[in-house]
Full PDB file with SEQRES, HELIX, SHEET, SSBOND, CRYST1, ORIGX, SCALE, CONECT and MASTER records, all heavy atoms in Angstrom:
SEQRES   1 A   43  MET PRO LYS ALA GLU ALA GLN ARG PHE GLY LEU GLU LEU          
SEQRES   2 A   43  LEU ASP ARG VAL GLY ILE ALA ASP LYS ALA ASP ARG PHE          
SEQRES   3 A   43  PRO ALA GLN LEU SER GLY GLY GLN GLN GLN ARG ALA ALA          
SEQRES   4 A   43  ILE ALA ARG ALA                                              
HELIX    1 AA1 LYS A    3  ARG A   16  1                                  14    
HELIX    2 AA2 ALA A   20  LYS A   22  5                                   3    
HELIX    3 AA3 PRO A   27  GLN A   29  5                                   3    
HELIX    4 AA4 GLY A   32  ARG A   42  1                                  11    
CRYST1    1.000    1.000    1.000  90.00  90.00  90.00 P 1           1          
ORIGX1      1.000000  0.000000  0.000000        0.00000                         
ORIGX2      0.000000  1.000000  0.000000        0.00000                         
ORIGX3      0.000000  0.000000  1.000000        0.00000                         
SCALE1      1.000000  0.000000  0.000000        0.00000                         
SCALE2      0.000000  1.000000  0.000000        0.00000                         
SCALE3      0.000000  0.000000  1.000000        0.00000                         
ATOM      1  N   MET A   1      55.037 130.090  92.111  1.00  0.00           N  
ATOM      2  CA  MET A   1      55.435 131.498  92.145  1.00  0.00           C  
ATOM      3  C   MET A   1      54.324 132.365  91.543  1.00  0.00           C  
ATOM      4  O   MET A   1      53.783 132.007  90.492  1.00  0.00           O  
ATOM      5  CB  MET A   1      56.733 131.662  91.331  1.00  0.00           C  
ATOM      6  CG  MET A   1      57.489 132.940  91.588  1.00  0.00           C  
ATOM      7  SD  MET A   1      58.985 133.054  90.535  1.00  0.00           S  
ATOM      8  CE  MET A   1      60.142 132.067  91.447  1.00  0.00           C  
ATOM      9  N   PRO A   2      53.962 133.470  92.190  1.00  0.00           N  
ATOM     10  CA  PRO A   2      52.959 134.363  91.588  1.00  0.00           C  
ATOM     11  C   PRO A   2      53.420 134.844  90.212  1.00  0.00           C  
ATOM     12  O   PRO A   2      54.621 135.035  89.990  1.00  0.00           O  
ATOM     13  CB  PRO A   2      52.886 135.539  92.579  1.00  0.00           C  
ATOM     14  CG  PRO A   2      53.440 135.008  93.866  1.00  0.00           C  
ATOM     15  CD  PRO A   2      54.440 133.951  93.484  1.00  0.00           C  
ATOM     16  N   LYS A   3      52.438 135.069  89.331  1.00  0.00           N  
ATOM     17  CA  LYS A   3      52.773 135.357  87.930  1.00  0.00           C  
ATOM     18  C   LYS A   3      53.653 136.604  87.784  1.00  0.00           C  
ATOM     19  O   LYS A   3      54.621 136.613  87.021  1.00  0.00           O  
ATOM     20  CB  LYS A   3      51.487 135.525  87.120  1.00  0.00           C  
ATOM     21  CG  LYS A   3      51.736 135.455  85.631  1.00  0.00           C  
ATOM     22  CD  LYS A   3      50.467 135.398  84.831  1.00  0.00           C  
ATOM     23  CE  LYS A   3      50.796 135.404  83.341  1.00  0.00           C  
ATOM     24  NZ  LYS A   3      49.599 135.504  82.505  1.00  0.00           N  
ATOM     25  N   ALA A   4      53.332 137.650  88.531  1.00  0.00           N  
ATOM     26  CA  ALA A   4      54.101 138.899  88.415  1.00  0.00           C  
ATOM     27  C   ALA A   4      55.554 138.677  88.842  1.00  0.00           C  
ATOM     28  O   ALA A   4      56.495 139.177  88.205  1.00  0.00           O  
ATOM     29  CB  ALA A   4      53.466 139.994  89.260  1.00  0.00           C  
ATOM     30  N   GLU A   5      55.738 137.890  89.905  1.00  0.00           N  
ATOM     31  CA  GLU A   5      57.098 137.600  90.388  1.00  0.00           C  
ATOM     32  C   GLU A   5      57.855 136.737  89.371  1.00  0.00           C  
ATOM     33  O   GLU A   5      59.036 136.967  89.091  1.00  0.00           O  
ATOM     34  CB  GLU A   5      57.018 136.868  91.734  1.00  0.00           C  
ATOM     35  CG  GLU A   5      58.366 136.667  92.393  1.00  0.00           C  
ATOM     36  CD  GLU A   5      58.270 135.821  93.667  1.00  0.00           C  
ATOM     37  OE1 GLU A   5      57.182 135.767  94.270  1.00  0.00           O  
ATOM     38  OE2 GLU A   5      59.289 135.209  94.041  1.00  0.00           O  
ATOM     39  N   ALA A   6      57.133 135.743  88.808  1.00  0.00           N  
ATOM     40  CA  ALA A   6      57.755 134.860  87.805  1.00  0.00           C  
ATOM     41  C   ALA A   6      58.166 135.652  86.565  1.00  0.00           C  
ATOM     42  O   ALA A   6      59.216 135.392  85.968  1.00  0.00           O  
ATOM     43  CB  ALA A   6      56.792 133.735  87.422  1.00  0.00           C  
ATOM     44  N   GLN A   7      57.331 136.617  86.204  1.00  0.00           N  
ATOM     45  CA  GLN A   7      57.658 137.448  85.033  1.00  0.00           C  
ATOM     46  C   GLN A   7      58.908 138.283  85.287  1.00  0.00           C  
ATOM     47  O   GLN A   7      59.803 138.352  84.448  1.00  0.00           O  
ATOM     48  CB  GLN A   7      56.465 138.360  84.719  1.00  0.00           C  
ATOM     49  CG  GLN A   7      56.616 139.121  83.417  1.00  0.00           C  
ATOM     50  CD  GLN A   7      55.315 139.812  83.017  1.00  0.00           C  
ATOM     51  OE1 GLN A   7      54.471 140.095  83.856  1.00  0.00           O  
ATOM     52  NE2 GLN A   7      55.158 140.088  81.749  1.00  0.00           N  
ATOM     53  N   ARG A   8      58.972 138.871  86.474  1.00  0.00           N  
ATOM     54  CA  ARG A   8      60.131 139.690  86.847  1.00  0.00           C  
ATOM     55  C   ARG A   8      61.403 138.822  86.883  1.00  0.00           C  
ATOM     56  O   ARG A   8      62.442 139.190  86.344  1.00  0.00           O  
ATOM     57  CB  ARG A   8      59.867 140.323  88.211  1.00  0.00           C  
ATOM     58  CG  ARG A   8      60.764 141.487  88.568  1.00  0.00           C  
ATOM     59  CD  ARG A   8      60.207 142.305  89.734  1.00  0.00           C  
ATOM     60  NE  ARG A   8      59.856 141.482  90.888  1.00  0.00           N  
ATOM     61  CZ  ARG A   8      58.606 141.340  91.360  1.00  0.00           C  
ATOM     62  NH1 ARG A   8      57.588 141.953  90.773  1.00  0.00           N  
ATOM     63  NH2 ARG A   8      58.360 140.590  92.424  1.00  0.00           N  
ATOM     64  N   PHE A   9      61.280 137.662  87.512  1.00  0.00           N  
ATOM     65  CA  PHE A   9      62.410 136.729  87.621  1.00  0.00           C  
ATOM     66  C   PHE A   9      62.835 136.225  86.239  1.00  0.00           C  
ATOM     67  O   PHE A   9      64.019 136.142  85.913  1.00  0.00           O  
ATOM     68  CB  PHE A   9      62.008 135.569  88.537  1.00  0.00           C  
ATOM     69  CG  PHE A   9      63.115 134.590  88.836  1.00  0.00           C  
ATOM     70  CD1 PHE A   9      64.389 135.018  89.172  1.00  0.00           C  
ATOM     71  CD2 PHE A   9      62.859 133.219  88.800  1.00  0.00           C  
ATOM     72  CE1 PHE A   9      65.398 134.111  89.466  1.00  0.00           C  
ATOM     73  CE2 PHE A   9      63.870 132.298  89.086  1.00  0.00           C  
ATOM     74  CZ  PHE A   9      65.135 132.750  89.417  1.00  0.00           C  
ATOM     75  N   GLY A  10      61.821 135.907  85.404  1.00  0.00           N  
ATOM     76  CA  GLY A  10      62.094 135.425  84.045  1.00  0.00           C  
ATOM     77  C   GLY A  10      62.870 136.449  83.227  1.00  0.00           C  
ATOM     78  O   GLY A  10      63.830 136.105  82.521  1.00  0.00           O  
ATOM     79  N   LEU A  11      62.478 137.712  83.337  1.00  0.00           N  
ATOM     80  CA  LEU A  11      63.173 138.773  82.600  1.00  0.00           C  
ATOM     81  C   LEU A  11      64.602 138.946  83.115  1.00  0.00           C  
ATOM     82  O   LEU A  11      65.525 139.183  82.333  1.00  0.00           O  
ATOM     83  CB  LEU A  11      62.396 140.088  82.707  1.00  0.00           C  
ATOM     84  CG  LEU A  11      61.130 140.169  81.837  1.00  0.00           C  
ATOM     85  CD1 LEU A  11      60.276 141.368  82.214  1.00  0.00           C  
ATOM     86  CD2 LEU A  11      61.493 140.205  80.350  1.00  0.00           C  
ATOM     87  N   GLU A  12      64.770 138.811  84.434  1.00  0.00           N  
ATOM     88  CA  GLU A  12      66.125 138.866  85.018  1.00  0.00           C  
ATOM     89  C   GLU A  12      67.013 137.769  84.430  1.00  0.00           C  
ATOM     90  O   GLU A  12      68.172 137.999  84.083  1.00  0.00           O  
ATOM     91  CB  GLU A  12      66.055 138.636  86.541  1.00  0.00           C  
ATOM     92  CG  GLU A  12      65.922 139.875  87.369  1.00  0.00           C  
ATOM     93  CD  GLU A  12      65.676 139.505  88.836  1.00  0.00           C  
ATOM     94  OE1 GLU A  12      66.234 138.491  89.310  1.00  0.00           O  
ATOM     95  OE2 GLU A  12      64.905 140.222  89.490  1.00  0.00           O  
ATOM     96  N   LEU A  13      66.441 136.564  84.336  1.00  0.00           N  
ATOM     97  CA  LEU A  13      67.221 135.432  83.820  1.00  0.00           C  
ATOM     98  C   LEU A  13      67.532 135.606  82.335  1.00  0.00           C  
ATOM     99  O   LEU A  13      68.643 135.294  81.890  1.00  0.00           O  
ATOM    100  CB  LEU A  13      66.460 134.114  84.048  1.00  0.00           C  
ATOM    101  CG  LEU A  13      66.355 133.664  85.505  1.00  0.00           C  
ATOM    102  CD1 LEU A  13      65.426 132.465  85.626  1.00  0.00           C  
ATOM    103  CD2 LEU A  13      67.735 133.323  86.073  1.00  0.00           C  
ATOM    104  N   LEU A  14      66.576 136.100  81.567  1.00  0.00           N  
ATOM    105  CA  LEU A  14      66.827 136.336  80.138  1.00  0.00           C  
ATOM    106  C   LEU A  14      67.903 137.410  79.964  1.00  0.00           C  
ATOM    107  O   LEU A  14      68.734 137.326  79.062  1.00  0.00           O  
ATOM    108  CB  LEU A  14      65.533 136.733  79.422  1.00  0.00           C  
ATOM    109  CG  LEU A  14      64.501 135.600  79.267  1.00  0.00           C  
ATOM    110  CD1 LEU A  14      63.220 136.126  78.635  1.00  0.00           C  
ATOM    111  CD2 LEU A  14      65.066 134.442  78.446  1.00  0.00           C  
ATOM    112  N   ASP A  15      67.888 138.392  80.868  1.00  0.00           N  
ATOM    113  CA  ASP A  15      68.937 139.417  80.836  1.00  0.00           C  
ATOM    114  C   ASP A  15      70.299 138.782  81.171  1.00  0.00           C  
ATOM    115  O   ASP A  15      71.313 139.094  80.542  1.00  0.00           O  
ATOM    116  CB  ASP A  15      68.597 140.519  81.840  1.00  0.00           C  
ATOM    117  CG  ASP A  15      69.579 141.679  81.760  1.00  0.00           C  
ATOM    118  OD1 ASP A  15      69.820 142.172  80.645  1.00  0.00           O  
ATOM    119  OD2 ASP A  15      70.114 142.077  82.809  1.00  0.00           O  
ATOM    120  N   ARG A  16      70.280 137.870  82.134  1.00  0.00           N  
ATOM    121  CA  ARG A  16      71.513 137.204  82.565  1.00  0.00           C  
ATOM    122  C   ARG A  16      72.148 136.408  81.422  1.00  0.00           C  
ATOM    123  O   ARG A  16      73.371 136.304  81.330  1.00  0.00           O  
ATOM    124  CB  ARG A  16      71.166 136.282  83.727  1.00  0.00           C  
ATOM    125  CG  ARG A  16      72.323 135.661  84.456  1.00  0.00           C  
ATOM    126  CD  ARG A  16      71.780 135.023  85.714  1.00  0.00           C  
ATOM    127  NE  ARG A  16      72.724 134.121  86.344  1.00  0.00           N  
ATOM    128  CZ  ARG A  16      72.400 133.311  87.338  1.00  0.00           C  
ATOM    129  NH1 ARG A  16      71.168 133.287  87.791  1.00  0.00           N  
ATOM    130  NH2 ARG A  16      73.301 132.524  87.880  1.00  0.00           N  
ATOM    131  N   VAL A  17      71.315 135.818  80.551  1.00  0.00           N  
ATOM    132  CA  VAL A  17      71.858 135.047  79.423  1.00  0.00           C  
ATOM    133  C   VAL A  17      71.927 135.881  78.130  1.00  0.00           C  
ATOM    134  O   VAL A  17      72.218 135.354  77.059  1.00  0.00           O  
ATOM    135  CB  VAL A  17      71.060 133.733  79.184  1.00  0.00           C  
ATOM    136  CG1 VAL A  17      71.125 132.842  80.414  1.00  0.00           C  
ATOM    137  CG2 VAL A  17      69.614 133.998  78.771  1.00  0.00           C  
ATOM    138  N   GLY A  18      71.611 137.182  78.270  1.00  0.00           N  
ATOM    139  CA  GLY A  18      71.844 138.103  77.157  1.00  0.00           C  
ATOM    140  C   GLY A  18      70.774 138.159  76.088  1.00  0.00           C  
ATOM    141  O   GLY A  18      71.035 138.599  74.968  1.00  0.00           O  
ATOM    142  N   ILE A  19      69.537 137.741  76.430  1.00  0.00           N  
ATOM    143  CA  ILE A  19      68.476 137.799  75.407  1.00  0.00           C  
ATOM    144  C   ILE A  19      67.182 138.415  75.953  1.00  0.00           C  
ATOM    145  O   ILE A  19      66.081 138.050  75.532  1.00  0.00           O  
ATOM    146  CB  ILE A  19      68.170 136.400  74.792  1.00  0.00           C  
ATOM    147  CG1 ILE A  19      67.897 135.360  75.884  1.00  0.00           C  
ATOM    148  CG2 ILE A  19      69.295 135.943  73.876  1.00  0.00           C  
ATOM    149  CD1 ILE A  19      67.330 134.049  75.331  1.00  0.00           C  
ATOM    150  N   ALA A  20      67.304 139.358  76.877  1.00  0.00           N  
ATOM    151  CA  ALA A  20      66.108 140.011  77.435  1.00  0.00           C  
ATOM    152  C   ALA A  20      65.285 140.690  76.335  1.00  0.00           C  
ATOM    153  O   ALA A  20      64.052 140.765  76.429  1.00  0.00           O  
ATOM    154  CB  ALA A  20      66.519 141.026  78.496  1.00  0.00           C  
ATOM    155  N   ASP A  21      65.955 141.153  75.276  1.00  0.00           N  
ATOM    156  CA  ASP A  21      65.240 141.824  74.179  1.00  0.00           C  
ATOM    157  C   ASP A  21      64.432 140.856  73.319  1.00  0.00           C  
ATOM    158  O   ASP A  21      63.663 141.273  72.454  1.00  0.00           O  
ATOM    159  CB  ASP A  21      66.236 142.588  73.296  1.00  0.00           C  
ATOM    160  CG  ASP A  21      67.296 141.686  72.688  1.00  0.00           C  
ATOM    161  OD1 ASP A  21      67.677 140.694  73.346  1.00  0.00           O  
ATOM    162  OD2 ASP A  21      67.753 141.978  71.560  1.00  0.00           O  
ATOM    163  N   LYS A  22      64.590 139.556  73.578  1.00  0.00           N  
ATOM    164  CA  LYS A  22      63.858 138.550  72.788  1.00  0.00           C  
ATOM    165  C   LYS A  22      62.700 137.929  73.588  1.00  0.00           C  
ATOM    166  O   LYS A  22      62.114 136.936  73.174  1.00  0.00           O  
ATOM    167  CB  LYS A  22      64.802 137.406  72.367  1.00  0.00           C  
ATOM    168  CG  LYS A  22      66.040 137.865  71.607  1.00  0.00           C  
ATOM    169  CD  LYS A  22      65.694 138.295  70.185  1.00  0.00           C  
ATOM    170  CE  LYS A  22      66.917 138.538  69.336  1.00  0.00           C  
ATOM    171  NZ  LYS A  22      67.557 139.824  69.549  1.00  0.00           N  
ATOM    172  N   ALA A  23      62.355 138.526  74.726  1.00  0.00           N  
ATOM    173  CA  ALA A  23      61.371 137.924  75.641  1.00  0.00           C  
ATOM    174  C   ALA A  23      60.033 137.614  74.965  1.00  0.00           C  
ATOM    175  O   ALA A  23      59.403 136.593  75.256  1.00  0.00           O  
ATOM    176  CB  ALA A  23      61.144 138.848  76.848  1.00  0.00           C  
ATOM    177  N   ASP A  24      59.593 138.488  74.055  1.00  0.00           N  
ATOM    178  CA  ASP A  24      58.277 138.313  73.443  1.00  0.00           C  
ATOM    179  C   ASP A  24      58.314 137.529  72.128  1.00  0.00           C  
ATOM    180  O   ASP A  24      57.288 137.341  71.478  1.00  0.00           O  
ATOM    181  CB  ASP A  24      57.624 139.691  73.186  1.00  0.00           C  
ATOM    182  CG  ASP A  24      57.373 140.425  74.491  1.00  0.00           C  
ATOM    183  OD1 ASP A  24      57.131 139.751  75.515  1.00  0.00           O  
ATOM    184  OD2 ASP A  24      57.440 141.675  74.485  1.00  0.00           O  
ATOM    185  N   ARG A  25      59.489 137.089  71.737  1.00  0.00           N  
ATOM    186  CA  ARG A  25      59.605 136.299  70.500  1.00  0.00           C  
ATOM    187  C   ARG A  25      59.248 134.835  70.764  1.00  0.00           C  
ATOM    188  O   ARG A  25      59.287 134.361  71.896  1.00  0.00           O  
ATOM    189  CB  ARG A  25      61.037 136.356  69.961  1.00  0.00           C  
ATOM    190  CG  ARG A  25      61.557 137.748  69.709  1.00  0.00           C  
ATOM    191  CD  ARG A  25      61.166 138.249  68.323  1.00  0.00           C  
ATOM    192  NE  ARG A  25      61.652 139.611  68.117  1.00  0.00           N  
ATOM    193  CZ  ARG A  25      62.834 139.906  67.599  1.00  0.00           C  
ATOM    194  NH1 ARG A  25      63.668 138.928  67.253  1.00  0.00           N  
ATOM    195  NH2 ARG A  25      63.191 141.157  67.411  1.00  0.00           N  
ATOM    196  N   PHE A  26      58.959 134.122  69.688  1.00  0.00           N  
ATOM    197  CA  PHE A  26      58.736 132.678  69.772  1.00  0.00           C  
ATOM    198  C   PHE A  26      60.041 131.959  69.395  1.00  0.00           C  
ATOM    199  O   PHE A  26      60.882 132.518  68.687  1.00  0.00           O  
ATOM    200  CB  PHE A  26      57.594 132.268  68.836  1.00  0.00           C  
ATOM    201  CG  PHE A  26      56.259 132.747  69.320  1.00  0.00           C  
ATOM    202  CD1 PHE A  26      55.766 133.991  68.943  1.00  0.00           C  
ATOM    203  CD2 PHE A  26      55.497 131.965  70.189  1.00  0.00           C  
ATOM    204  CE1 PHE A  26      54.539 134.449  69.408  1.00  0.00           C  
ATOM    205  CE2 PHE A  26      54.268 132.412  70.662  1.00  0.00           C  
ATOM    206  CZ  PHE A  26      53.788 133.658  70.277  1.00  0.00           C  
ATOM    207  N   PRO A  27      60.219 130.710  69.867  1.00  0.00           N  
ATOM    208  CA  PRO A  27      61.481 130.019  69.598  1.00  0.00           C  
ATOM    209  C   PRO A  27      61.921 130.033  68.138  1.00  0.00           C  
ATOM    210  O   PRO A  27      63.101 130.233  67.855  1.00  0.00           O  
ATOM    211  CB  PRO A  27      61.182 128.594  70.087  1.00  0.00           C  
ATOM    212  CG  PRO A  27      60.225 128.798  71.209  1.00  0.00           C  
ATOM    213  CD  PRO A  27      59.351 129.945  70.770  1.00  0.00           C  
ATOM    214  N   ALA A  28      60.977 129.854  67.216  1.00  0.00           N  
ATOM    215  CA  ALA A  28      61.342 129.795  65.791  1.00  0.00           C  
ATOM    216  C   ALA A  28      61.924 131.117  65.287  1.00  0.00           C  
ATOM    217  O   ALA A  28      62.564 131.156  64.232  1.00  0.00           O  
ATOM    218  CB  ALA A  28      60.121 129.415  64.946  1.00  0.00           C  
ATOM    219  N   GLN A  29      61.703 132.200  66.032  1.00  0.00           N  
ATOM    220  CA  GLN A  29      62.223 133.514  65.623  1.00  0.00           C  
ATOM    221  C   GLN A  29      63.635 133.770  66.153  1.00  0.00           C  
ATOM    222  O   GLN A  29      64.218 134.812  65.884  1.00  0.00           O  
ATOM    223  CB  GLN A  29      61.273 134.615  66.121  1.00  0.00           C  
ATOM    224  CG  GLN A  29      59.884 134.539  65.500  1.00  0.00           C  
ATOM    225  CD  GLN A  29      58.935 135.542  66.138  1.00  0.00           C  
ATOM    226  OE1 GLN A  29      58.598 135.451  67.313  1.00  0.00           O  
ATOM    227  NE2 GLN A  29      58.519 136.523  65.364  1.00  0.00           N  
ATOM    228  N   LEU A  30      64.178 132.799  66.887  1.00  0.00           N  
ATOM    229  CA  LEU A  30      65.506 132.951  67.474  1.00  0.00           C  
ATOM    230  C   LEU A  30      66.513 132.047  66.775  1.00  0.00           C  
ATOM    231  O   LEU A  30      66.147 131.005  66.227  1.00  0.00           O  
ATOM    232  CB  LEU A  30      65.469 132.585  68.969  1.00  0.00           C  
ATOM    233  CG  LEU A  30      65.183 133.706  69.966  1.00  0.00           C  
ATOM    234  CD1 LEU A  30      63.828 134.338  69.704  1.00  0.00           C  
ATOM    235  CD2 LEU A  30      65.238 133.156  71.389  1.00  0.00           C  
ATOM    236  N   SER A  31      67.779 132.444  66.831  1.00  0.00           N  
ATOM    237  CA  SER A  31      68.849 131.569  66.325  1.00  0.00           C  
ATOM    238  C   SER A  31      69.014 130.383  67.278  1.00  0.00           C  
ATOM    239  O   SER A  31      68.516 130.400  68.413  1.00  0.00           O  
ATOM    240  CB  SER A  31      70.165 132.341  66.259  1.00  0.00           C  
ATOM    241  OG  SER A  31      70.648 132.591  67.578  1.00  0.00           O  
ATOM    242  N   GLY A  32      69.747 129.381  66.840  1.00  0.00           N  
ATOM    243  CA  GLY A  32      70.000 128.221  67.694  1.00  0.00           C  
ATOM    244  C   GLY A  32      70.693 128.595  68.986  1.00  0.00           C  
ATOM    245  O   GLY A  32      70.343 128.104  70.068  1.00  0.00           O  
ATOM    246  N   GLY A  33      71.674 129.490  68.900  1.00  0.00           N  
ATOM    247  CA  GLY A  33      72.397 129.922  70.093  1.00  0.00           C  
ATOM    248  C   GLY A  33      71.485 130.646  71.071  1.00  0.00           C  
ATOM    249  O   GLY A  33      71.575 130.451  72.290  1.00  0.00           O  
ATOM    250  N   GLN A  34      70.586 131.489  70.533  1.00  0.00           N  
ATOM    251  CA  GLN A  34      69.638 132.197  71.392  1.00  0.00           C  
ATOM    252  C   GLN A  34      68.644 131.226  72.025  1.00  0.00           C  
ATOM    253  O   GLN A  34      68.304 131.357  73.209  1.00  0.00           O  
ATOM    254  CB  GLN A  34      68.903 133.270  70.584  1.00  0.00           C  
ATOM    255  CG  GLN A  34      69.797 134.429  70.183  1.00  0.00           C  
ATOM    256  CD  GLN A  34      69.175 135.300  69.101  1.00  0.00           C  
ATOM    257  OE1 GLN A  34      68.263 134.890  68.382  1.00  0.00           O  
ATOM    258  NE2 GLN A  34      69.676 136.522  68.984  1.00  0.00           N  
ATOM    259  N   GLN A  35      68.201 130.230  71.256  1.00  0.00           N  
ATOM    260  CA  GLN A  35      67.282 129.233  71.821  1.00  0.00           C  
ATOM    261  C   GLN A  35      67.946 128.451  72.946  1.00  0.00           C  
ATOM    262  O   GLN A  35      67.318 128.157  73.971  1.00  0.00           O  
ATOM    263  CB  GLN A  35      66.810 128.267  70.726  1.00  0.00           C  
ATOM    264  CG  GLN A  35      65.838 128.884  69.744  1.00  0.00           C  
ATOM    265  CD  GLN A  35      65.286 127.841  68.779  1.00  0.00           C  
ATOM    266  OE1 GLN A  35      64.633 126.895  69.195  1.00  0.00           O  
ATOM    267  NE2 GLN A  35      65.556 128.004  67.496  1.00  0.00           N  
ATOM    268  N   GLN A  36      69.228 128.109  72.770  1.00  0.00           N  
ATOM    269  CA  GLN A  36      69.911 127.360  73.824  1.00  0.00           C  
ATOM    270  C   GLN A  36      70.102 128.233  75.063  1.00  0.00           C  
ATOM    271  O   GLN A  36      69.992 127.737  76.193  1.00  0.00           O  
ATOM    272  CB  GLN A  36      71.248 126.811  73.313  1.00  0.00           C  
ATOM    273  CG  GLN A  36      71.910 125.793  74.239  1.00  0.00           C  
ATOM    274  CD  GLN A  36      71.069 124.556  74.506  1.00  0.00           C  
ATOM    275  OE1 GLN A  36      69.990 124.630  75.097  1.00  0.00           O  
ATOM    276  NE2 GLN A  36      71.565 123.399  74.069  1.00  0.00           N  
ATOM    277  N   ARG A  37      70.344 129.509  74.869  1.00  0.00           N  
ATOM    278  CA  ARG A  37      70.462 130.409  76.022  1.00  0.00           C  
ATOM    279  C   ARG A  37      69.115 130.537  76.739  1.00  0.00           C  
ATOM    280  O   ARG A  37      69.062 130.612  77.968  1.00  0.00           O  
ATOM    281  CB  ARG A  37      70.994 131.776  75.590  1.00  0.00           C  
ATOM    282  CG  ARG A  37      72.487 131.716  75.265  1.00  0.00           C  
ATOM    283  CD  ARG A  37      73.067 133.095  75.047  1.00  0.00           C  
ATOM    284  NE  ARG A  37      72.850 133.574  73.693  1.00  0.00           N  
ATOM    285  CZ  ARG A  37      72.888 134.863  73.340  1.00  0.00           C  
ATOM    286  NH1 ARG A  37      73.117 135.789  74.251  1.00  0.00           N  
ATOM    287  NH2 ARG A  37      72.706 135.226  72.094  1.00  0.00           N  
ATOM    288  N   ALA A  38      68.020 130.529  75.953  1.00  0.00           N  
ATOM    289  CA  ALA A  38      66.682 130.542  76.572  1.00  0.00           C  
ATOM    290  C   ALA A  38      66.457 129.250  77.368  1.00  0.00           C  
ATOM    291  O   ALA A  38      65.868 129.275  78.456  1.00  0.00           O  
ATOM    292  CB  ALA A  38      65.608 130.685  75.490  1.00  0.00           C  
ATOM    293  N   ALA A  39      66.949 128.130  76.842  1.00  0.00           N  
ATOM    294  CA  ALA A  39      66.806 126.848  77.546  1.00  0.00           C  
ATOM    295  C   ALA A  39      67.596 126.862  78.864  1.00  0.00           C  
ATOM    296  O   ALA A  39      67.154 126.302  79.871  1.00  0.00           O  
ATOM    297  CB  ALA A  39      67.275 125.700  76.654  1.00  0.00           C  
ATOM    298  N   ILE A  40      68.755 127.520  78.869  1.00  0.00           N  
ATOM    299  CA  ILE A  40      69.536 127.653  80.104  1.00  0.00           C  
ATOM    300  C   ILE A  40      68.764 128.517  81.113  1.00  0.00           C  
ATOM    301  O   ILE A  40      68.662 128.170  82.296  1.00  0.00           O  
ATOM    302  CB  ILE A  40      70.930 128.252  79.818  1.00  0.00           C  
ATOM    303  CG1 ILE A  40      71.775 127.257  79.003  1.00  0.00           C  
ATOM    304  CG2 ILE A  40      71.646 128.614  81.125  1.00  0.00           C  
ATOM    305  CD1 ILE A  40      73.104 127.822  78.502  1.00  0.00           C  
ATOM    306  N   ALA A  41      68.186 129.633  80.628  1.00  0.00           N  
ATOM    307  CA  ALA A  41      67.387 130.491  81.519  1.00  0.00           C  
ATOM    308  C   ALA A  41      66.210 129.712  82.098  1.00  0.00           C  
ATOM    309  O   ALA A  41      65.886 129.838  83.283  1.00  0.00           O  
ATOM    310  CB  ALA A  41      66.888 131.720  80.749  1.00  0.00           C  
ATOM    311  N   ARG A  42      65.579 128.891  81.261  1.00  0.00           N  
ATOM    312  CA  ARG A  42      64.436 128.090  81.736  1.00  0.00           C  
ATOM    313  C   ARG A  42      64.864 127.117  82.838  1.00  0.00           C  
ATOM    314  O   ARG A  42      64.171 126.944  83.837  1.00  0.00           O  
ATOM    315  CB  ARG A  42      63.821 127.320  80.564  1.00  0.00           C  
ATOM    316  CG  ARG A  42      62.616 126.488  80.953  1.00  0.00           C  
ATOM    317  CD  ARG A  42      62.109 125.678  79.794  1.00  0.00           C  
ATOM    318  NE  ARG A  42      63.160 124.824  79.241  1.00  0.00           N  
ATOM    319  CZ  ARG A  42      62.995 124.072  78.170  1.00  0.00           C  
ATOM    320  NH1 ARG A  42      61.853 124.085  77.517  1.00  0.00           N  
ATOM    321  NH2 ARG A  42      63.982 123.321  77.731  1.00  0.00           N  
ATOM    322  N   ALA A  43      66.026 126.490  82.672  1.00  0.00           N  
ATOM    323  CA  ALA A  43      66.527 125.574  83.714  1.00  0.00           C  
ATOM    324  C   ALA A  43      66.854 126.345  84.992  1.00  0.00           C  
ATOM    325  O   ALA A  43      66.572 125.878  86.100  1.00  0.00           O  
ATOM    326  CB  ALA A  43      67.749 124.825  83.201  1.00  0.00           C  
TER     327      ALA A  43                                                      
MASTER        0    0    0    4    0    0    0    6  326    1    0    4          
END                                                                             
């Protein structure tokens, strides 16, 4: 997938799991629940 499209899609998925505002954070900066939601978005 082209990078711009992947970025747009990635943000859509993070929004879908309720953590779009955490897109620029690193995993250690997130709670366990937020990290698991990021893992769902990644899948």
